[in-house]
Protein backbone atom coordinates (compact mmCIF):
# COMPACT_ATOMS: atom_id res chain seq x y z
CA UNK A 1 0.00 0.00 0.00
CA UNK A 2 1.23 3.47 -0.91
CA UNK A 3 1.86 6.01 1.84
CA UNK A 4 0.22 9.43 1.64
CA UNK A 5 3.57 11.00 0.76
CA UNK A 6 4.13 8.51 -2.07
CA UNK A 7 0.61 9.05 -3.38
CA UNK A 8 1.14 12.82 -3.32
CA UNK A 9 4.48 12.46 -5.12
CA UNK A 10 2.83 10.34 -7.82
CA UNK A 11 0.03 12.86 -8.21
CA UNK A 12 2.48 15.75 -8.46
CA UNK A 13 4.46 13.85 -11.09
CA UNK A 14 1.27 13.44 -13.14
CA UNK A 15 0.62 17.18 -12.81
CA UNK A 16 4.18 17.90 -14.01
CA UNK A 17 3.64 15.64 -17.03
CA UNK A 18 0.39 17.46 -17.79
CA UNK A 19 2.26 20.79 -17.81
CA UNK A 20 4.62 19.57 -20.49
CA UNK A 21 1.76 18.09 -22.54
CA UNK A 22 -0.53 21.15 -22.45
CA UNK A 23 0.27 23.32 -25.48
CA UNK A 24 -2.06 26.05 -24.19
CA UNK A 25 0.60 26.89 -21.61
CA UNK A 26 3.33 27.71 -24.12
CA UNK A 27 1.95 27.99 -27.67
CA UNK A 28 2.62 31.75 -27.81
CA UNK A 29 6.21 31.45 -26.56
CA UNK A 30 9.55 30.78 -28.23
CA UNK A 31 11.24 27.53 -27.20
CA UNK A 32 13.58 29.12 -24.66
CA UNK A 33 10.79 31.12 -23.01
CA UNK A 34 8.49 28.09 -23.02
CA UNK A 35 11.22 26.07 -21.33
CA UNK A 36 11.69 28.74 -18.69
CA UNK A 37 7.96 28.84 -17.93
CA UNK A 38 7.64 25.05 -17.83
CA UNK A 39 10.66 24.63 -15.54
CA UNK A 40 9.27 27.29 -13.23
CA UNK A 41 5.88 25.54 -13.15
CA UNK A 42 7.52 22.18 -12.52
CA UNK A 43 9.53 23.59 -9.60
CA UNK A 44 6.40 25.13 -8.09
CA UNK A 45 4.50 21.84 -8.40
CA UNK A 46 7.33 19.85 -6.84
CA UNK A 47 7.40 22.31 -3.94
CA UNK A 48 3.83 21.27 -3.13
CA UNK A 49 5.14 17.94 -1.82
CA UNK A 50 6.62 19.79 1.17
CA UNK A 51 3.17 21.01 2.25
CA UNK A 52 1.60 17.58 2.94
CA UNK A 53 -1.63 18.51 1.16
CA UNK A 54 -4.47 16.14 0.47
CA UNK A 55 -5.40 15.20 -3.10
CA UNK A 56 -8.10 17.86 -3.44
CA UNK A 57 -5.76 20.63 -2.30
CA UNK A 58 -3.00 19.40 -4.63
CA UNK A 59 -5.44 19.33 -7.52
CA UNK A 60 -6.63 22.85 -6.71
CA UNK A 61 -3.09 24.20 -6.49
CA UNK A 62 -2.13 22.54 -9.79
CA UNK A 63 -5.23 24.04 -11.44
CA UNK A 64 -4.33 27.49 -10.12
CA UNK A 65 -0.78 27.17 -11.40
CA UNK A 66 -1.93 26.11 -14.90
CA UNK A 67 -4.31 29.06 -14.95
CA UNK A 68 -1.47 31.45 -14.12
CA UNK A 69 0.75 29.87 -16.77
CA UNK A 70 -2.01 30.20 -19.40
CA UNK A 71 -2.35 33.88 -18.55
CA UNK A 72 1.41 34.41 -18.87
CA UNK A 73 1.36 32.61 -22.23
CA UNK A 74 -1.63 34.63 -23.43
CA UNK A 75 -0.06 37.94 -22.38
CA UNK A 76 3.22 37.02 -24.05
CA UNK A 77 1.36 36.23 -27.26
CA UNK A 78 -0.56 39.50 -27.23
CA UNK A 79 2.22 41.85 -26.19
CA UNK A 80 3.09 42.99 -29.72
CA UNK A 81 -0.55 43.90 -30.41
CA UNK A 82 -1.01 45.76 -27.14
CA UNK A 83 -0.25 49.36 -26.41
CA UNK A 84 2.04 50.00 -23.48
CA UNK A 85 -1.01 50.97 -21.40
CA UNK A 86 -2.82 47.75 -22.34
CA UNK A 87 0.26 45.69 -21.47
CA UNK A 88 0.59 47.39 -18.08
CA UNK A 89 -3.13 46.92 -17.42
CA UNK A 90 -2.84 43.24 -18.37
CA UNK A 91 0.12 42.76 -16.02
CA UNK A 92 -1.72 44.51 -13.21
CA UNK A 93 -4.78 42.31 -13.78
CA UNK A 94 -2.62 39.20 -13.71
CA UNK A 95 -0.91 40.23 -10.48
CA UNK A 96 -4.19 41.22 -8.81
CA UNK A 97 -5.80 37.95 -9.83
CA UNK A 98 -2.87 35.94 -8.55
CA UNK A 99 -2.86 37.70 -5.20
CA UNK A 100 -6.56 37.99 -4.40
CA UNK A 101 -7.11 34.50 -3.01
CA UNK A 102 -3.86 34.04 -1.07
CA UNK A 103 -4.27 30.26 -0.87
CA UNK A 104 -2.08 27.21 -1.36
CA UNK A 105 0.42 28.55 -3.86
CA UNK A 106 1.22 31.52 -1.64
CA UNK A 107 2.71 29.18 0.96
CA UNK A 108 5.28 27.73 -1.42
CA UNK A 109 8.92 28.63 -0.95
CA UNK A 110 10.11 31.18 -3.47
CA UNK A 111 12.18 29.72 -6.32
CA UNK A 112 14.80 31.98 -7.94
CA UNK A 113 14.36 32.12 -11.72
CA UNK A 114 16.63 34.89 -13.01
CA UNK A 115 19.53 36.14 -10.95
CA UNK A 116 18.27 37.59 -7.71
CA UNK A 117 14.65 37.89 -8.84
CA UNK A 118 11.98 35.50 -7.61
CA UNK A 119 8.44 34.71 -8.65
CA UNK A 120 6.03 34.37 -5.75
CA UNK A 121 2.67 33.73 -7.34
CA UNK A 122 -0.43 32.69 -5.47
CA UNK A 123 -3.61 32.51 -7.50
CA UNK A 124 -6.83 31.04 -8.53
CA UNK A 125 -8.69 31.77 -11.74
CA UNK A 126 -7.34 34.54 -13.94
CA UNK A 127 -9.66 36.78 -15.88
CA UNK A 128 -9.72 37.51 -19.57
CA UNK A 129 -8.70 41.09 -20.45
C-alpha atoms as a PDB file:
ATOM      1  CA  UNK A   1       0.000   0.000   0.000  1.00  0.00           C
ATOM      2  CA  UNK A   2       1.234   3.467  -0.908  1.00  0.00           C
ATOM      3  CA  UNK A   3       1.858   6.013   1.844  1.00  0.00           C
ATOM      4  CA  UNK A   4       0.217   9.431   1.640  1.00  0.00           C
ATOM      5  CA  UNK A   5       3.572  11.004   0.763  1.00  0.00           C
ATOM      6  CA  UNK A   6       4.133   8.508  -2.073  1.00  0.00           C
ATOM      7  CA  UNK A   7       0.614   9.048  -3.385  1.00  0.00           C
ATOM      8  CA  UNK A   8       1.139  12.820  -3.315  1.00  0.00           C
ATOM      9  CA  UNK A   9       4.483  12.462  -5.121  1.00  0.00           C
ATOM     10  CA  UNK A  10       2.830  10.335  -7.824  1.00  0.00           C
ATOM     11  CA  UNK A  11       0.029  12.858  -8.215  1.00  0.00           C
ATOM     12  CA  UNK A  12       2.481  15.751  -8.462  1.00  0.00           C
ATOM     13  CA  UNK A  13       4.465  13.853 -11.091  1.00  0.00           C
ATOM     14  CA  UNK A  14       1.267  13.439 -13.141  1.00  0.00           C
ATOM     15  CA  UNK A  15       0.619  17.176 -12.810  1.00  0.00           C
ATOM     16  CA  UNK A  16       4.177  17.898 -14.010  1.00  0.00           C
ATOM     17  CA  UNK A  17       3.638  15.644 -17.029  1.00  0.00           C
ATOM     18  CA  UNK A  18       0.391  17.465 -17.787  1.00  0.00           C
ATOM     19  CA  UNK A  19       2.262  20.794 -17.807  1.00  0.00           C
ATOM     20  CA  UNK A  20       4.622  19.570 -20.492  1.00  0.00           C
ATOM     21  CA  UNK A  21       1.761  18.094 -22.544  1.00  0.00           C
ATOM     22  CA  UNK A  22      -0.531  21.148 -22.447  1.00  0.00           C
ATOM     23  CA  UNK A  23       0.266  23.318 -25.477  1.00  0.00           C
ATOM     24  CA  UNK A  24      -2.061  26.052 -24.187  1.00  0.00           C
ATOM     25  CA  UNK A  25       0.597  26.893 -21.608  1.00  0.00           C
ATOM     26  CA  UNK A  26       3.332  27.706 -24.123  1.00  0.00           C
ATOM     27  CA  UNK A  27       1.946  27.993 -27.668  1.00  0.00           C
ATOM     28  CA  UNK A  28       2.623  31.747 -27.812  1.00  0.00           C
ATOM     29  CA  UNK A  29       6.211  31.446 -26.557  1.00  0.00           C
ATOM     30  CA  UNK A  30       9.553  30.777 -28.231  1.00  0.00           C
ATOM     31  CA  UNK A  31      11.239  27.526 -27.202  1.00  0.00           C
ATOM     32  CA  UNK A  32      13.581  29.118 -24.660  1.00  0.00           C
ATOM     33  CA  UNK A  33      10.793  31.121 -23.011  1.00  0.00           C
ATOM     34  CA  UNK A  34       8.492  28.095 -23.023  1.00  0.00           C
ATOM     35  CA  UNK A  35      11.216  26.069 -21.332  1.00  0.00           C
ATOM     36  CA  UNK A  36      11.685  28.737 -18.688  1.00  0.00           C
ATOM     37  CA  UNK A  37       7.955  28.841 -17.933  1.00  0.00           C
ATOM     38  CA  UNK A  38       7.644  25.048 -17.829  1.00  0.00           C
ATOM     39  CA  UNK A  39      10.661  24.628 -15.538  1.00  0.00           C
ATOM     40  CA  UNK A  40       9.266  27.287 -13.230  1.00  0.00           C
ATOM     41  CA  UNK A  41       5.876  25.541 -13.151  1.00  0.00           C
ATOM     42  CA  UNK A  42       7.518  22.178 -12.517  1.00  0.00           C
ATOM     43  CA  UNK A  43       9.526  23.594  -9.596  1.00  0.00           C
ATOM     44  CA  UNK A  44       6.397  25.128  -8.092  1.00  0.00           C
ATOM     45  CA  UNK A  45       4.498  21.840  -8.398  1.00  0.00           C
ATOM     46  CA  UNK A  46       7.332  19.854  -6.842  1.00  0.00           C
ATOM     47  CA  UNK A  47       7.397  22.313  -3.942  1.00  0.00           C
ATOM     48  CA  UNK A  48       3.828  21.265  -3.133  1.00  0.00           C
ATOM     49  CA  UNK A  49       5.136  17.940  -1.825  1.00  0.00           C
ATOM     50  CA  UNK A  50       6.616  19.789   1.169  1.00  0.00           C
ATOM     51  CA  UNK A  51       3.170  21.006   2.250  1.00  0.00           C
ATOM     52  CA  UNK A  52       1.605  17.577   2.938  1.00  0.00           C
ATOM     53  CA  UNK A  53      -1.630  18.514   1.161  1.00  0.00           C
ATOM     54  CA  UNK A  54      -4.474  16.137   0.466  1.00  0.00           C
ATOM     55  CA  UNK A  55      -5.405  15.197  -3.103  1.00  0.00           C
ATOM     56  CA  UNK A  56      -8.103  17.859  -3.439  1.00  0.00           C
ATOM     57  CA  UNK A  57      -5.759  20.627  -2.295  1.00  0.00           C
ATOM     58  CA  UNK A  58      -3.001  19.401  -4.630  1.00  0.00           C
ATOM     59  CA  UNK A  59      -5.439  19.333  -7.521  1.00  0.00           C
ATOM     60  CA  UNK A  60      -6.632  22.849  -6.712  1.00  0.00           C
ATOM     61  CA  UNK A  61      -3.086  24.200  -6.491  1.00  0.00           C
ATOM     62  CA  UNK A  62      -2.133  22.544  -9.789  1.00  0.00           C
ATOM     63  CA  UNK A  63      -5.228  24.039 -11.441  1.00  0.00           C
ATOM     64  CA  UNK A  64      -4.325  27.486 -10.118  1.00  0.00           C
ATOM     65  CA  UNK A  65      -0.782  27.170 -11.403  1.00  0.00           C
ATOM     66  CA  UNK A  66      -1.930  26.107 -14.895  1.00  0.00           C
ATOM     67  CA  UNK A  67      -4.314  29.060 -14.955  1.00  0.00           C
ATOM     68  CA  UNK A  68      -1.473  31.450 -14.116  1.00  0.00           C
ATOM     69  CA  UNK A  69       0.745  29.867 -16.766  1.00  0.00           C
ATOM     70  CA  UNK A  70      -2.011  30.197 -19.397  1.00  0.00           C
ATOM     71  CA  UNK A  71      -2.345  33.880 -18.553  1.00  0.00           C
ATOM     72  CA  UNK A  72       1.407  34.407 -18.867  1.00  0.00           C
ATOM     73  CA  UNK A  73       1.360  32.615 -22.228  1.00  0.00           C
ATOM     74  CA  UNK A  74      -1.634  34.631 -23.431  1.00  0.00           C
ATOM     75  CA  UNK A  75      -0.062  37.944 -22.383  1.00  0.00           C
ATOM     76  CA  UNK A  76       3.218  37.019 -24.054  1.00  0.00           C
ATOM     77  CA  UNK A  77       1.361  36.233 -27.259  1.00  0.00           C
ATOM     78  CA  UNK A  78      -0.565  39.504 -27.228  1.00  0.00           C
ATOM     79  CA  UNK A  79       2.221  41.849 -26.189  1.00  0.00           C
ATOM     80  CA  UNK A  80       3.086  42.994 -29.715  1.00  0.00           C
ATOM     81  CA  UNK A  81      -0.546  43.895 -30.412  1.00  0.00           C
ATOM     82  CA  UNK A  82      -1.014  45.757 -27.143  1.00  0.00           C
ATOM     83  CA  UNK A  83      -0.252  49.358 -26.415  1.00  0.00           C
ATOM     84  CA  UNK A  84       2.037  49.999 -23.484  1.00  0.00           C
ATOM     85  CA  UNK A  85      -1.008  50.974 -21.401  1.00  0.00           C
ATOM     86  CA  UNK A  86      -2.825  47.750 -22.338  1.00  0.00           C
ATOM     87  CA  UNK A  87       0.258  45.692 -21.474  1.00  0.00           C
ATOM     88  CA  UNK A  88       0.592  47.388 -18.083  1.00  0.00           C
ATOM     89  CA  UNK A  89      -3.133  46.916 -17.416  1.00  0.00           C
ATOM     90  CA  UNK A  90      -2.835  43.239 -18.369  1.00  0.00           C
ATOM     91  CA  UNK A  91       0.120  42.757 -16.021  1.00  0.00           C
ATOM     92  CA  UNK A  92      -1.719  44.514 -13.206  1.00  0.00           C
ATOM     93  CA  UNK A  93      -4.783  42.310 -13.782  1.00  0.00           C
ATOM     94  CA  UNK A  94      -2.616  39.198 -13.712  1.00  0.00           C
ATOM     95  CA  UNK A  95      -0.909  40.226 -10.475  1.00  0.00           C
ATOM     96  CA  UNK A  96      -4.190  41.217  -8.809  1.00  0.00           C
ATOM     97  CA  UNK A  97      -5.803  37.947  -9.831  1.00  0.00           C
ATOM     98  CA  UNK A  98      -2.874  35.938  -8.554  1.00  0.00           C
ATOM     99  CA  UNK A  99      -2.864  37.702  -5.196  1.00  0.00           C
ATOM    100  CA  UNK A 100      -6.560  37.986  -4.398  1.00  0.00           C
ATOM    101  CA  UNK A 101      -7.113  34.505  -3.007  1.00  0.00           C
ATOM    102  CA  UNK A 102      -3.863  34.043  -1.074  1.00  0.00           C
ATOM    103  CA  UNK A 103      -4.268  30.261  -0.868  1.00  0.00           C
ATOM    104  CA  UNK A 104      -2.080  27.209  -1.358  1.00  0.00           C
ATOM    105  CA  UNK A 105       0.421  28.555  -3.863  1.00  0.00           C
ATOM    106  CA  UNK A 106       1.223  31.523  -1.635  1.00  0.00           C
ATOM    107  CA  UNK A 107       2.706  29.180   0.961  1.00  0.00           C
ATOM    108  CA  UNK A 108       5.281  27.727  -1.418  1.00  0.00           C
ATOM    109  CA  UNK A 109       8.918  28.633  -0.954  1.00  0.00           C
ATOM    110  CA  UNK A 110      10.114  31.178  -3.470  1.00  0.00           C
ATOM    111  CA  UNK A 111      12.178  29.724  -6.317  1.00  0.00           C
ATOM    112  CA  UNK A 112      14.797  31.977  -7.944  1.00  0.00           C
ATOM    113  CA  UNK A 113      14.358  32.119 -11.715  1.00  0.00           C
ATOM    114  CA  UNK A 114      16.631  34.887 -13.011  1.00  0.00           C
ATOM    115  CA  UNK A 115      19.535  36.136 -10.949  1.00  0.00           C
ATOM    116  CA  UNK A 116      18.265  37.594  -7.708  1.00  0.00           C
ATOM    117  CA  UNK A 117      14.649  37.893  -8.842  1.00  0.00           C
ATOM    118  CA  UNK A 118      11.976  35.496  -7.606  1.00  0.00           C
ATOM    119  CA  UNK A 119       8.436  34.711  -8.646  1.00  0.00           C
ATOM    120  CA  UNK A 120       6.034  34.375  -5.747  1.00  0.00           C
ATOM    121  CA  UNK A 121       2.673  33.733  -7.343  1.00  0.00           C
ATOM    122  CA  UNK A 122      -0.433  32.688  -5.470  1.00  0.00           C
ATOM    123  CA  UNK A 123      -3.612  32.507  -7.499  1.00  0.00           C
ATOM    124  CA  UNK A 124      -6.835  31.038  -8.526  1.00  0.00           C
ATOM    125  CA  UNK A 125      -8.692  31.775 -11.739  1.00  0.00           C
ATOM    126  CA  UNK A 126      -7.338  34.538 -13.942  1.00  0.00           C
ATOM    127  CA  UNK A 127      -9.656  36.785 -15.876  1.00  0.00           C
ATOM    128  CA  UNK A 128      -9.715  37.513 -19.572  1.00  0.00           C
ATOM    129  CA  UNK A 129      -8.699  41.095 -20.446  1.00  0.00           C
END
